[in-house]
Amino acid sequence: MSDAVRRFRDERERLNAKVLAAGNLTVKRFFALDTQAYAPGALDAKTKELLGLASSAVLRCDDCILYHIIRCVEEGATDDEILEALSISLLVGGSIVIPHLRRAIDRLDELRVAE
């Protein structure tokens, strides 16, 4: 795992712990719902992560894109599957997605090198 990805994961974990420690019930419920939504069901976890990736790219959230790329790799998604999901986001979101697509592919390359 690259240093950038490791820093991202560490920072995300630290900040999530801080948010949850605040004890707000609504926030805790939202986090629990998010966890449950990505659990295997009618769709497997890999497919759900690919959907999360495509949605995150359309919404242009680089943190979310990186998180879902990490999860896609962990769930065994191939580069072709990830690129197809990103191509759908480009189609839906238009050219404004291109900068995020570039960074997404760069992060995917970092993850693959670290494997």
PDB file of N, CA and C in Angstrom:
ATOM      1  N   MET A   1       0.847  -1.175   0.000  1.00  0.00           N
ATOM      2  CA  MET A   1       0.000   0.000   0.000  1.00  0.00           C
ATOM      3  C   MET A   1       0.895   1.241   0.000  1.00  0.00           C
ATOM      4  N   SER A   2       0.574   2.206  -0.830  1.00  0.00           N
ATOM      5  CA  SER A   2       1.385   3.417  -0.916  1.00  0.00           C
ATOM      6  C   SER A   2       1.236   4.254   0.345  1.00  0.00           C
ATOM      7  N   ASP A   3       2.183   5.144   0.548  1.00  0.00           N
ATOM      8  CA  ASP A   3       2.125   6.037   1.713  1.00  0.00           C
ATOM      9  C   ASP A   3       0.875   6.906   1.678  1.00  0.00           C
ATOM     10  N   ALA A   4       0.523   7.397   0.484  1.00  0.00           N
ATOM     11  CA  ALA A   4      -0.658   8.253   0.355  1.00  0.00           C
ATOM     12  C   ALA A   4      -1.924   7.495   0.746  1.00  0.00           C
ATOM     13  N   VAL A   5      -2.036   6.264   0.307  1.00  0.00           N
ATOM     14  CA  VAL A   5      -3.216   5.456   0.640  1.00  0.00           C
ATOM     15  C   VAL A   5      -3.213   5.120   2.130  1.00  0.00           C
ATOM     16  N   ARG A   6      -2.064   4.778   2.661  1.00  0.00           N
ATOM     17  CA  ARG A   6      -1.960   4.476   4.096  1.00  0.00           C
ATOM     18  C   ARG A   6      -2.352   5.700   4.933  1.00  0.00           C
ATOM     19  N   ARG A   7      -1.860   6.870   4.542  1.00  0.00           N
ATOM     20  CA  ARG A   7      -2.218   8.106   5.266  1.00  0.00           C
ATOM     21  C   ARG A   7      -3.717   8.357   5.186  1.00  0.00           C
ATOM     22  N   PHE A   8      -4.286   8.149   3.995  1.00  0.00           N
ATOM     23  CA  PHE A   8      -5.723   8.336   3.828  1.00  0.00           C
ATOM     24  C   PHE A   8      -6.499   7.421   4.767  1.00  0.00           C
ATOM     25  N   ARG A   9      -6.135   6.152   4.785  1.00  0.00           N
ATOM     26  CA  ARG A   9      -6.848   5.182   5.629  1.00  0.00           C
ATOM     27  C   ARG A   9      -6.696   5.519   7.108  1.00  0.00           C
ATOM     28  N   ASP A  10      -5.485   5.864   7.520  1.00  0.00           N
ATOM     29  CA  ASP A  10      -5.245   6.213   8.925  1.00  0.00           C
ATOM     30  C   ASP A  10      -6.042   7.448   9.330  1.00  0.00           C
ATOM     31  N   GLU A  11      -6.022   8.463   8.471  1.00  0.00           N
ATOM     32  CA  GLU A  11      -6.747   9.701   8.753  1.00  0.00           C
ATOM     33  C   GLU A  11      -8.257   9.452   8.785  1.00  0.00           C
ATOM     34  N   ARG A  12      -8.749   8.670   7.849  1.00  0.00           N
ATOM     35  CA  ARG A  12     -10.179   8.354   7.807  1.00  0.00           C
ATOM     36  C   ARG A  12     -10.601   7.621   9.074  1.00  0.00           C
ATOM     37  N   GLU A  13      -9.808   6.642   9.484  1.00  0.00           N
ATOM     38  CA  GLU A  13     -10.107   5.881  10.692  1.00  0.00           C
ATOM     39  C   GLU A  13     -10.085   6.779  11.931  1.00  0.00           C
ATOM     40  N   ARG A  14      -9.081   7.633  12.026  1.00  0.00           N
ATOM     41  CA  ARG A  14      -8.962   8.546  13.170  1.00  0.00           C
ATOM     42  C   ARG A  14     -10.150   9.492  13.238  1.00  0.00           C
ATOM     43  N   LEU A  15     -10.502  10.074  12.104  1.00  0.00           N
ATOM     44  CA  LEU A  15     -11.608  11.025  12.087  1.00  0.00           C
ATOM     45  C   LEU A  15     -12.958  10.350  12.299  1.00  0.00           C
ATOM     46  N   ASN A  16     -13.147   9.162  11.739  1.00  0.00           N
ATOM     47  CA  ASN A  16     -14.387   8.424  11.997  1.00  0.00           C
ATOM     48  C   ASN A  16     -14.542   8.122  13.480  1.00  0.00           C
ATOM     49  N   ALA A  17     -13.461   7.721  14.127  1.00  0.00           N
ATOM     50  CA  ALA A  17     -13.511   7.441  15.560  1.00  0.00           C
ATOM     51  C   ALA A  17     -13.893   8.694  16.341  1.00  0.00           C
ATOM     52  N   LYS A  18     -13.360   9.819  15.924  1.00  0.00           N
ATOM     53  CA  LYS A  18     -13.678  11.090  16.582  1.00  0.00           C
ATOM     54  C   LYS A  18     -15.157  11.446  16.411  1.00  0.00           C
ATOM     55  N   VAL A  19     -15.632  11.299  15.191  1.00  0.00           N
ATOM     56  CA  VAL A  19     -17.045  11.606  14.912  1.00  0.00           C
ATOM     57  C   VAL A  19     -17.951  10.698  15.735  1.00  0.00           C
ATOM     58  N   LEU A  20     -17.659   9.403  15.752  1.00  0.00           N
ATOM     59  CA  LEU A  20     -18.503   8.459  16.487  1.00  0.00           C
ATOM     60  C   LEU A  20     -18.404   8.666  17.994  1.00  0.00           C
ATOM     61  N   ALA A  21     -17.248   9.093  18.475  1.00  0.00           N
ATOM     62  CA  ALA A  21     -17.078   9.334  19.913  1.00  0.00           C
ATOM     63  C   ALA A  21     -17.929  10.502  20.398  1.00  0.00           C
ATOM     64  N   ALA A  22     -18.321  11.374  19.485  1.00  0.00           N
ATOM     65  CA  ALA A  22     -19.178  12.498  19.868  1.00  0.00           C
ATOM     66  C   ALA A  22     -20.542  12.014  20.344  1.00  0.00           C
ATOM     67  N   GLY A  23     -20.908  10.796  19.957  1.00  0.00           N
ATOM     68  CA  GLY A  23     -22.105  10.163  20.497  1.00  0.00           C
ATOM     69  C   GLY A  23     -23.427  10.576  19.887  1.00  0.00           C
ATOM     70  N   ASN A  24     -23.426  11.268  18.760  1.00  0.00           N
ATOM     71  CA  ASN A  24     -24.678  11.672  18.143  1.00  0.00           C
ATOM     72  C   ASN A  24     -25.376  10.455  17.550  1.00  0.00           C
ATOM     73  N   LEU A  25     -26.586  10.199  17.990  1.00  0.00           N
ATOM     74  CA  LEU A  25     -27.326   9.009  17.573  1.00  0.00           C
ATOM     75  C   LEU A  25     -27.596   8.989  16.065  1.00  0.00           C
ATOM     76  N   THR A  26     -27.949  10.137  15.507  1.00  0.00           N
ATOM     77  CA  THR A  26     -28.223  10.195  14.070  1.00  0.00           C
ATOM     78  C   THR A  26     -26.980   9.818  13.269  1.00  0.00           C
ATOM     79  N   VAL A  27     -25.835  10.352  13.655  1.00  0.00           N
ATOM     80  CA  VAL A  27     -24.583  10.042  12.959  1.00  0.00           C
ATOM     81  C   VAL A  27     -24.267   8.557  13.099  1.00  0.00           C
ATOM     82  N   LYS A  28     -24.411   8.016  14.301  1.00  0.00           N
ATOM     83  CA  LYS A  28     -24.132   6.593  14.510  1.00  0.00           C
ATOM     84  C   LYS A  28     -25.047   5.726  13.652  1.00  0.00           C
ATOM     85  N   ARG A  29     -26.297   6.093  13.578  1.00  0.00           N
ATOM     86  CA  ARG A  29     -27.245   5.322  12.769  1.00  0.00           C
ATOM     87  C   ARG A  29     -26.896   5.403  11.288  1.00  0.00           C
ATOM     88  N   PHE A  30     -26.484   6.585  10.827  1.00  0.00           N
ATOM     89  CA  PHE A  30     -26.104   6.735   9.427  1.00  0.00           C
ATOM     90  C   PHE A  30     -24.886   5.871   9.113  1.00  0.00           C
ATOM     91  N   PHE A  31     -23.884   5.891   9.987  1.00  0.00           N
ATOM     92  CA  PHE A  31     -22.696   5.065   9.771  1.00  0.00           C
ATOM     93  C   PHE A  31     -23.079   3.582   9.740  1.00  0.00           C
ATOM     94  N   ALA A  32     -23.972   3.162  10.623  1.00  0.00           N
ATOM     95  CA  ALA A  32     -24.406   1.760  10.655  1.00  0.00           C
ATOM     96  C   ALA A  32     -25.158   1.402   9.370  1.00  0.00           C
ATOM     97  N   LEU A  33     -25.982   2.307   8.894  1.00  0.00           N
ATOM     98  CA  LEU A  33     -26.725   2.081   7.653  1.00  0.00           C
ATOM     99  C   LEU A  33     -25.766   1.943   6.481  1.00  0.00           C
ATOM    100  N   ASP A  34     -24.748   2.788   6.442  1.00  0.00           N
ATOM    101  CA  ASP A  34     -23.748   2.717   5.375  1.00  0.00           C
ATOM    102  C   ASP A  34     -23.055   1.358   5.387  1.00  0.00           C
ATOM    103  N   THR A  35     -22.676   0.890   6.561  1.00  0.00           N
ATOM    104  CA  THR A  35     -22.018  -0.421   6.692  1.00  0.00           C
ATOM    105  C   THR A  35     -22.945  -1.528   6.199  1.00  0.00           C
ATOM    106  N   GLN A  36     -24.201  -1.480   6.611  1.00  0.00           N
ATOM    107  CA  GLN A  36     -25.161  -2.510   6.218  1.00  0.00           C
ATOM    108  C   GLN A  36     -25.439  -2.476   4.717  1.00  0.00           C
ATOM    109  N   ALA A  37     -25.475  -1.287   4.136  1.00  0.00           N
ATOM    110  CA  ALA A  37     -25.802  -1.156   2.715  1.00  0.00           C
ATOM    111  C   ALA A  37     -24.771  -1.850   1.828  1.00  0.00           C
ATOM    112  N   TYR A  38     -23.507  -1.876   2.263  1.00  0.00           N
ATOM    113  CA  TYR A  38     -22.451  -2.481   1.453  1.00  0.00           C
ATOM    114  C   TYR A  38     -22.213  -3.951   1.774  1.00  0.00           C
ATOM    115  N   ALA A  39     -22.968  -4.499   2.708  1.00  0.00           N
ATOM    116  CA  ALA A  39     -22.862  -5.929   3.020  1.00  0.00           C
ATOM    117  C   ALA A  39     -23.489  -6.732   1.875  1.00  0.00           C
ATOM    118  N   PRO A  40     -22.989  -7.946   1.643  1.00  0.00           N
ATOM    119  CA  PRO A  40     -23.576  -8.777   0.587  1.00  0.00           C
ATOM    120  C   PRO A  40     -25.077  -9.006   0.821  1.00  0.00           C
ATOM    121  N   GLY A  41     -25.805  -8.944  -0.246  1.00  0.00           N
ATOM    122  CA  GLY A  41     -27.244  -9.196  -0.220  1.00  0.00           C
ATOM    123  C   GLY A  41     -27.632  -9.734  -1.579  1.00  0.00           C
ATOM    124  N   ALA A  42     -28.655  -9.150  -2.194  1.00  0.00           N
ATOM    125  CA  ALA A  42     -29.007  -9.543  -3.557  1.00  0.00           C
ATOM    126  C   ALA A  42     -27.833  -9.249  -4.499  1.00  0.00           C
ATOM    127  N   LEU A  43     -27.074  -8.203  -4.190  1.00  0.00           N
ATOM    128  CA  LEU A  43     -25.831  -7.895  -4.910  1.00  0.00           C
ATOM    129  C   LEU A  43     -24.656  -8.248  -4.009  1.00  0.00           C
ATOM    130  N   ASP A  44     -23.591  -8.755  -4.607  1.00  0.00           N
ATOM    131  CA  ASP A  44     -22.413  -9.059  -3.793  1.00  0.00           C
ATOM    132  C   ASP A  44     -21.676  -7.767  -3.432  1.00  0.00           C
ATOM    133  N   ALA A  45     -20.769  -7.868  -2.461  1.00  0.00           N
ATOM    134  CA  ALA A  45     -20.056  -6.695  -1.954  1.00  0.00           C
ATOM    135  C   ALA A  45     -19.240  -6.017  -3.060  1.00  0.00           C
ATOM    136  N   LYS A  46     -18.637  -6.792  -3.951  1.00  0.00           N
ATOM    137  CA  LYS A  46     -17.837  -6.200  -5.030  1.00  0.00           C
ATOM    138  C   LYS A  46     -18.699  -5.321  -5.927  1.00  0.00           C
ATOM    139  N   THR A  47     -19.863  -5.815  -6.301  1.00  0.00           N
ATOM    140  CA  THR A  47     -20.764  -5.042  -7.155  1.00  0.00           C
ATOM    141  C   THR A  47     -21.205  -3.768  -6.454  1.00  0.00           C
ATOM    142  N   LYS A  48     -21.512  -3.869  -5.177  1.00  0.00           N
ATOM    143  CA  LYS A  48     -21.920  -2.689  -4.425  1.00  0.00           C
ATOM    144  C   LYS A  48     -20.790  -1.666  -4.343  1.00  0.00           C
ATOM    145  N   GLU A  49     -19.563  -2.122  -4.178  1.00  0.00           N
ATOM    146  CA  GLU A  49     -18.430  -1.192  -4.137  1.00  0.00           C
ATOM    147  C   GLU A  49     -18.219  -0.530  -5.494  1.00  0.00           C
ATOM    148  N   LEU A  50     -18.413  -1.277  -6.577  1.00  0.00           N
ATOM    149  CA  LEU A  50     -18.318  -0.683  -7.911  1.00  0.00           C
ATOM    150  C   LEU A  50     -19.403   0.375  -8.118  1.00  0.00           C
ATOM    151  N   LEU A  51     -20.596   0.111  -7.602  1.00  0.00           N
ATOM    152  CA  LEU A  51     -21.675   1.106  -7.658  1.00  0.00           C
ATOM    153  C   LEU A  51     -21.318   2.335  -6.825  1.00  0.00           C
ATOM    154  N   GLY A  52     -20.749   2.095  -5.644  1.00  0.00           N
ATOM    155  CA  GLY A  52     -20.309   3.203  -4.795  1.00  0.00           C
ATOM    156  C   GLY A  52     -19.236   4.031  -5.484  1.00  0.00           C
ATOM    157  N   LEU A  53     -18.323   3.358  -6.173  1.00  0.00           N
ATOM    158  CA  LEU A  53     -17.270   4.058  -6.906  1.00  0.00           C
ATOM    159  C   LEU A  53     -17.859   4.932  -8.004  1.00  0.00           C
ATOM    160  N   ALA A  54     -18.747   4.363  -8.800  1.00  0.00           N
ATOM    161  CA  ALA A  54     -19.355   5.132  -9.890  1.00  0.00           C
ATOM    162  C   ALA A  54     -20.133   6.328  -9.344  1.00  0.00           C
ATOM    163  N   SER A  55     -20.884   6.113  -8.285  1.00  0.00           N
ATOM    164  CA  SER A  55     -21.659   7.204  -7.683  1.00  0.00           C
ATOM    165  C   SER A  55     -20.744   8.287  -7.132  1.00  0.00           C
ATOM    166  N   SER A  56     -19.672   7.885  -6.482  1.00  0.00           N
ATOM    167  CA  SER A  56     -18.728   8.843  -5.905  1.00  0.00           C
ATOM    168  C   SER A  56     -18.053   9.680  -6.981  1.00  0.00           C
ATOM    169  N   ALA A  57     -17.751   9.053  -8.118  1.00  0.00           N
ATOM    170  CA  ALA A  57     -17.133   9.803  -9.214  1.00  0.00           C
ATOM    171  C   ALA A  57     -18.104  10.827  -9.787  1.00  0.00           C
ATOM    172  N   VAL A  58     -19.369  10.444  -9.938  1.00  0.00           N
ATOM    173  CA  VAL A  58     -20.376  11.390 -10.434  1.00  0.00           C
ATOM    174  C   VAL A  58     -20.513  12.560  -9.462  1.00  0.00           C
ATOM    175  N   LEU A  59     -20.447  12.261  -8.167  1.00  0.00           N
ATOM    176  CA  LEU A  59     -20.557  13.313  -7.153  1.00  0.00           C
ATOM    177  C   LEU A  59     -19.244  14.072  -6.951  1.00  0.00           C
ATOM    178  N   ARG A  60     -18.170  13.585  -7.580  1.00  0.00           N
ATOM    179  CA  ARG A  60     -16.857  14.225  -7.570  1.00  0.00           C
ATOM    180  C   ARG A  60     -16.268  14.353  -6.170  1.00  0.00           C
ATOM    181  N   CYS A  61     -16.356  13.270  -5.415  1.00  0.00           N
ATOM    182  CA  CYS A  61     -15.789  13.219  -4.060  1.00  0.00           C
ATOM    183  C   CYS A  61     -14.519  12.363  -4.086  1.00  0.00           C
ATOM    184  N   ASP A  62     -13.354  13.008  -4.117  1.00  0.00           N
ATOM    185  CA  ASP A  62     -12.098  12.265  -4.220  1.00  0.00           C
ATOM    186  C   ASP A  62     -11.866  11.330  -3.042  1.00  0.00           C
ATOM    187  N   ASP A  63     -12.232  11.746  -1.824  1.00  0.00           N
ATOM    188  CA  ASP A  63     -12.095  10.842  -0.671  1.00  0.00           C
ATOM    189  C   ASP A  63     -12.946   9.593  -0.864  1.00  0.00           C
ATOM    190  N   CYS A  64     -14.172   9.790  -1.310  1.00  0.00           N
ATOM    191  CA  CYS A  64     -15.075   8.654  -1.520  1.00  0.00           C
ATOM    192  C   CYS A  64     -14.571   7.761  -2.651  1.00  0.00           C
ATOM    193  N   ILE A  65     -14.071   8.379  -3.711  1.00  0.00           N
ATOM    194  CA  ILE A  65     -13.531   7.614  -4.836  1.00  0.00           C
ATOM    195  C   ILE A  65     -12.386   6.733  -4.362  1.00  0.00           C
ATOM    196  N   LEU A  66     -11.459   7.318  -3.608  1.00  0.00           N
ATOM    197  CA  LEU A  66     -10.326   6.535  -3.118  1.00  0.00           C
ATOM    198  C   LEU A  66     -10.800   5.418  -2.203  1.00  0.00           C
ATOM    199  N   TYR A  67     -11.714   5.724  -1.300  1.00  0.00           N
ATOM    200  CA  TYR A  67     -12.235   4.690  -0.397  1.00  0.00           C
ATOM    201  C   TYR A  67     -12.821   3.528  -1.202  1.00  0.00           C
ATOM    202  N   HIS A  68     -13.626   3.826  -2.199  1.00  0.00           N
ATOM    203  CA  HIS A  68     -14.276   2.761  -2.967  1.00  0.00           C
ATOM    204  C   HIS A  68     -13.293   2.026  -3.874  1.00  0.00           C
ATOM    205  N   ILE A  69     -12.269   2.694  -4.361  1.00  0.00           N
ATOM    206  CA  ILE A  69     -11.244   1.979  -5.124  1.00  0.00           C
ATOM    207  C   ILE A  69     -10.543   0.980  -4.209  1.00  0.00           C
ATOM    208  N   ILE A  70     -10.192   1.419  -3.003  1.00  0.00           N
ATOM    209  CA  ILE A  70      -9.567   0.507  -2.029  1.00  0.00           C
ATOM    210  C   ILE A  70     -10.475  -0.688  -1.788  1.00  0.00           C
ATOM    211  N   ARG A  71     -11.744  -0.429  -1.534  1.00  0.00           N
ATOM    212  CA  ARG A  71     -12.693  -1.512  -1.256  1.00  0.00           C
ATOM    213  C   ARG A  71     -12.899  -2.406  -2.477  1.00  0.00           C
ATOM    214  N   CYS A  72     -12.947  -1.819  -3.679  1.00  0.00           N
ATOM    215  CA  CYS A  72     -13.082  -2.627  -4.892  1.00  0.00           C
ATOM    216  C   CYS A  72     -11.906  -3.584  -5.021  1.00  0.00           C
ATOM    217  N   VAL A  73     -10.706  -3.083  -4.796  1.00  0.00           N
ATOM    218  CA  VAL A  73      -9.518  -3.935  -4.864  1.00  0.00           C
ATOM    219  C   VAL A  73      -9.599  -5.022  -3.802  1.00  0.00           C
ATOM    220  N   GLU A  74      -9.992  -4.657  -2.583  1.00  0.00           N
ATOM    221  CA  GLU A  74     -10.123  -5.653  -1.507  1.00  0.00           C
ATOM    222  C   GLU A  74     -11.155  -6.720  -1.841  1.00  0.00           C
ATOM    223  N   GLU A  75     -12.199  -6.328  -2.566  1.00  0.00           N
ATOM    224  CA  GLU A  75     -13.257  -7.273  -2.939  1.00  0.00           C
ATOM    225  C   GLU A  75     -12.928  -8.050  -4.208  1.00  0.00           C
ATOM    226  N   GLY A  76     -11.753  -7.809  -4.780  1.00  0.00           N
ATOM    227  CA  GLY A  76     -11.312  -8.597  -5.929  1.00  0.00           C
ATOM    228  C   GLY A  76     -11.695  -8.049  -7.282  1.00  0.00           C
ATOM    229  N   ALA A  77     -12.111  -6.799  -7.356  1.00  0.00           N
ATOM    230  CA  ALA A  77     -12.458  -6.218  -8.652  1.00  0.00           C
ATOM    231  C   ALA A  77     -11.207  -6.102  -9.521  1.00  0.00           C
ATOM    232  N   THR A  78     -11.363  -6.405 -10.780  1.00  0.00           N
ATOM    233  CA  THR A  78     -10.259  -6.276 -11.734  1.00  0.00           C
ATOM    234  C   THR A  78     -10.155  -4.822 -12.185  1.00  0.00           C
ATOM    235  N   ASP A  79      -9.030  -4.492 -12.795  1.00  0.00           N
ATOM    236  CA  ASP A  79      -8.874  -3.147 -13.344  1.00  0.00           C
ATOM    237  C   ASP A  79      -9.951  -2.870 -14.393  1.00  0.00           C
ATOM    238  N   ASP A  80     -10.255  -3.862 -15.218  1.00  0.00           N
ATOM    239  CA  ASP A  80     -11.293  -3.674 -16.237  1.00  0.00           C
ATOM    240  C   ASP A  80     -12.649  -3.371 -15.613  1.00  0.00           C
ATOM    241  N   GLU A  81     -12.994  -4.072 -14.527  1.00  0.00           N
ATOM    242  CA  GLU A  81     -14.273  -3.810 -13.857  1.00  0.00           C
ATOM    243  C   GLU A  81     -14.302  -2.404 -13.277  1.00  0.00           C
ATOM    244  N   ILE A  82     -13.206  -2.002 -12.665  1.00  0.00           N
ATOM    245  CA  ILE A  82     -13.132  -0.664 -12.077  1.00  0.00           C
ATOM    246  C   ILE A  82     -13.218   0.400 -13.170  1.00  0.00           C
ATOM    247  N   LEU A  83     -12.517   0.191 -14.268  1.00  0.00           N
ATOM    248  CA  LEU A  83     -12.559   1.161 -15.365  1.00  0.00           C
ATOM    249  C   LEU A  83     -13.940   1.227 -16.015  1.00  0.00           C
ATOM    250  N   GLU A  84     -14.637   0.102 -16.092  1.00  0.00           N
ATOM    251  CA  GLU A  84     -16.009   0.143 -16.624  1.00  0.00           C
ATOM    252  C   GLU A  84     -16.925   0.932 -15.706  1.00  0.00           C
ATOM    253  N   ALA A  85     -16.786   0.728 -14.403  1.00  0.00           N
ATOM    254  CA  ALA A  85     -17.606   1.495 -13.459  1.00  0.00           C
ATOM    255  C   ALA A  85     -17.310   2.987 -13.592  1.00  0.00           C
ATOM    256  N   LEU A  86     -16.030   3.327 -13.721  1.00  0.00           N
ATOM    257  CA  LEU A  86     -15.659   4.732 -13.890  1.00  0.00           C
ATOM    258  C   LEU A  86     -16.132   5.285 -15.233  1.00  0.00           C
ATOM    259  N   SER A  87     -16.185   4.440 -16.252  1.00  0.00           N
ATOM    260  CA  SER A  87     -16.662   4.916 -17.554  1.00  0.00           C
ATOM    261  C   SER A  87     -18.153   5.252 -17.484  1.00  0.00           C
ATOM    262  N   ILE A  88     -18.898   4.504 -16.703  1.00  0.00           N
ATOM    263  CA  ILE A  88     -20.323   4.818 -16.513  1.00  0.00           C
ATOM    264  C   ILE A  88     -20.458   6.161 -15.809  1.00  0.00           C
ATOM    265  N   SER A  89     -19.622   6.401 -14.803  1.00  0.00           N
ATOM    266  CA  SER A  89     -19.686   7.682 -14.094  1.00  0.00           C
ATOM    267  C   SER A  89     -19.350   8.837 -15.036  1.00  0.00           C
ATOM    268  N   LEU A  90     -18.418   8.628 -15.944  1.00  0.00           N
ATOM    269  CA  LEU A  90     -18.080   9.661 -16.920  1.00  0.00           C
ATOM    270  C   LEU A  90     -19.269   9.936 -17.836  1.00  0.00           C
ATOM    271  N   LEU A  91     -19.922   8.881 -18.249  1.00  0.00           N
ATOM    272  CA  LEU A  91     -21.098   9.025 -19.108  1.00  0.00           C
ATOM    273  C   LEU A  91     -22.215   9.788 -18.397  1.00  0.00           C
ATOM    274  N   VAL A  92     -22.461   9.437 -17.145  1.00  0.00           N
ATOM    275  CA  VAL A  92     -23.532  10.069 -16.375  1.00  0.00           C
ATOM    276  C   VAL A  92     -23.150  11.492 -15.959  1.00  0.00           C
ATOM    277  N   GLY A  93     -21.912  11.660 -15.492  1.00  0.00           N
ATOM    278  CA  GLY A  93     -21.495  12.941 -14.940  1.00  0.00           C
ATOM    279  C   GLY A  93     -20.935  13.928 -15.946  1.00  0.00           C
ATOM    280  N   GLY A  94     -20.497  13.444 -17.082  1.00  0.00           N
ATOM    281  CA  GLY A  94     -19.954  14.330 -18.097  1.00  0.00           C
ATOM    282  C   GLY A  94     -18.487  14.657 -17.877  1.00  0.00           C
ATOM    283  N   SER A  95     -17.998  15.592 -18.651  1.00  0.00           N
ATOM    284  CA  SER A  95     -16.568  15.893 -18.672  1.00  0.00           C
ATOM    285  C   SER A  95     -16.038  16.417 -17.341  1.00  0.00           C
ATOM    286  N   ILE A  96     -16.899  16.932 -16.487  1.00  0.00           N
ATOM    287  CA  ILE A  96     -16.441  17.431 -15.179  1.00  0.00           C
ATOM    288  C   ILE A  96     -15.866  16.296 -14.321  1.00  0.00           C
ATOM    289  N   VAL A  97     -16.191  15.058 -14.676  1.00  0.00           N
ATOM    290  CA  VAL A  97     -15.692  13.881 -13.950  1.00  0.00           C
ATOM    291  C   VAL A  97     -14.240  13.561 -14.342  1.00  0.00           C
ATOM    292  N   ILE A  98     -13.779  14.054 -15.471  1.00  0.00           N
ATOM    293  CA  ILE A  98     -12.456  13.672 -15.988  1.00  0.00           C
ATOM    294  C   ILE A  98     -11.324  13.896 -14.981  1.00  0.00           C
ATOM    295  N   PRO A  99     -11.222  15.048 -14.301  1.00  0.00           N
ATOM    296  CA  PRO A  99     -10.124  15.194 -13.336  1.00  0.00           C
ATOM    297  C   PRO A  99     -10.166  14.136 -12.234  1.00  0.00           C
ATOM    298  N   HIS A 100     -11.347  13.761 -11.817  1.00  0.00           N
ATOM    299  CA  HIS A 100     -11.508  12.743 -10.774  1.00  0.00           C
ATOM    300  C   HIS A 100     -11.173  11.360 -11.318  1.00  0.00           C
ATOM    301  N   LEU A 101     -11.510  11.134 -12.580  1.00  0.00           N
ATOM    302  CA  LEU A 101     -11.152   9.895 -13.257  1.00  0.00           C
ATOM    303  C   LEU A 101      -9.630   9.748 -13.325  1.00  0.00           C
ATOM    304  N   ARG A 102      -8.943  10.826 -13.646  1.00  0.00           N
ATOM    305  CA  ARG A 102      -7.473  10.795 -13.699  1.00  0.00           C
ATOM    306  C   ARG A 102      -6.892  10.393 -12.344  1.00  0.00           C
ATOM    307  N   ARG A 103      -7.364  11.065 -11.289  1.00  0.00           N
ATOM    308  CA  ARG A 103      -6.847  10.759  -9.949  1.00  0.00           C
ATOM    309  C   ARG A 103      -7.224   9.346  -9.516  1.00  0.00           C
ATOM    310  N   ALA A 104      -8.407   8.899  -9.907  1.00  0.00           N
ATOM    311  CA  ALA A 104      -8.835   7.544  -9.554  1.00  0.00           C
ATOM    312  C   ALA A 104      -7.906   6.507 -10.178  1.00  0.00           C
ATOM    313  N   ILE A 105      -7.569   6.690 -11.424  1.00  0.00           N
ATOM    314  CA  ILE A 105      -6.684   5.739 -12.096  1.00  0.00           C
ATOM    315  C   ILE A 105      -5.282   5.791 -11.497  1.00  0.00           C
ATOM    316  N   ASP A 106      -4.836   6.977 -11.135  1.00  0.00           N
ATOM    317  CA  ASP A 106      -3.534   7.111 -10.481  1.00  0.00           C
ATOM    318  C   ASP A 106      -3.526   6.361  -9.151  1.00  0.00           C
ATOM    319  N   ARG A 107      -4.583   6.495  -8.370  1.00  0.00           N
ATOM    320  CA  ARG A 107      -4.669   5.789  -7.082  1.00  0.00           C
ATOM    321  C   ARG A 107      -4.756   4.281  -7.293  1.00  0.00           C
ATOM    322  N   LEU A 108      -5.493   3.854  -8.303  1.00  0.00           N
ATOM    323  CA  LEU A 108      -5.578   2.423  -8.599  1.00  0.00           C
ATOM    324  C   LEU A 108      -4.192   1.880  -8.934  1.00  0.00           C
ATOM    325  N   ASP A 109      -3.439   2.625  -9.723  1.00  0.00           N
ATOM    326  CA  ASP A 109      -2.075   2.211 -10.048  1.00  0.00           C
ATOM    327  C   ASP A 109      -1.229   2.078  -8.787  1.00  0.00           C
ATOM    328  N   GLU A 110      -1.359   3.034  -7.861  1.00  0.00           N
ATOM    329  CA  GLU A 110      -0.615   2.969  -6.585  1.00  0.00           C
ATOM    330  C   GLU A 110      -0.977   1.709  -5.813  1.00  0.00           C
ATOM    331  N   LEU A 111      -2.252   1.376  -5.788  1.00  0.00           N
ATOM    332  CA  LEU A 111      -2.689   0.182  -5.063  1.00  0.00           C
ATOM    333  C   LEU A 111      -2.160  -1.083  -5.716  1.00  0.00           C
ATOM    334  N   ARG A 112      -2.190  -1.136  -7.032  1.00  0.00           N
ATOM    335  CA  ARG A 112      -1.732  -2.336  -7.734  1.00  0.00           C
ATOM    336  C   ARG A 112      -0.229  -2.536  -7.568  1.00  0.00           C
ATOM    337  N   VAL A 113       0.538  -1.465  -7.562  1.00  0.00           N
ATOM    338  CA  VAL A 113       1.990  -1.568  -7.365  1.00  0.00           C
ATOM    339  C   VAL A 113       2.291  -2.111  -5.984  1.00  0.00           C
ATOM    340  N   ALA A 114       1.476  -1.723  -5.013  1.00  0.00           N
ATOM    341  CA  ALA A 114       1.708  -2.126  -3.629  1.00  0.00           C
ATOM    342  C   ALA A 114       1.269  -3.570  -3.342  1.00  0.00           C
ATOM    343  N   GLU A 115       0.492  -4.171  -4.248  1.00  0.00           N
ATOM    344  CA  GLU A 115       0.001  -5.545  -4.025  1.00  0.00           C
ATOM    345  C   GLU A 115       1.134  -6.559  -4.021  1.00  0.00           C
TER     346      GLU A 115
END
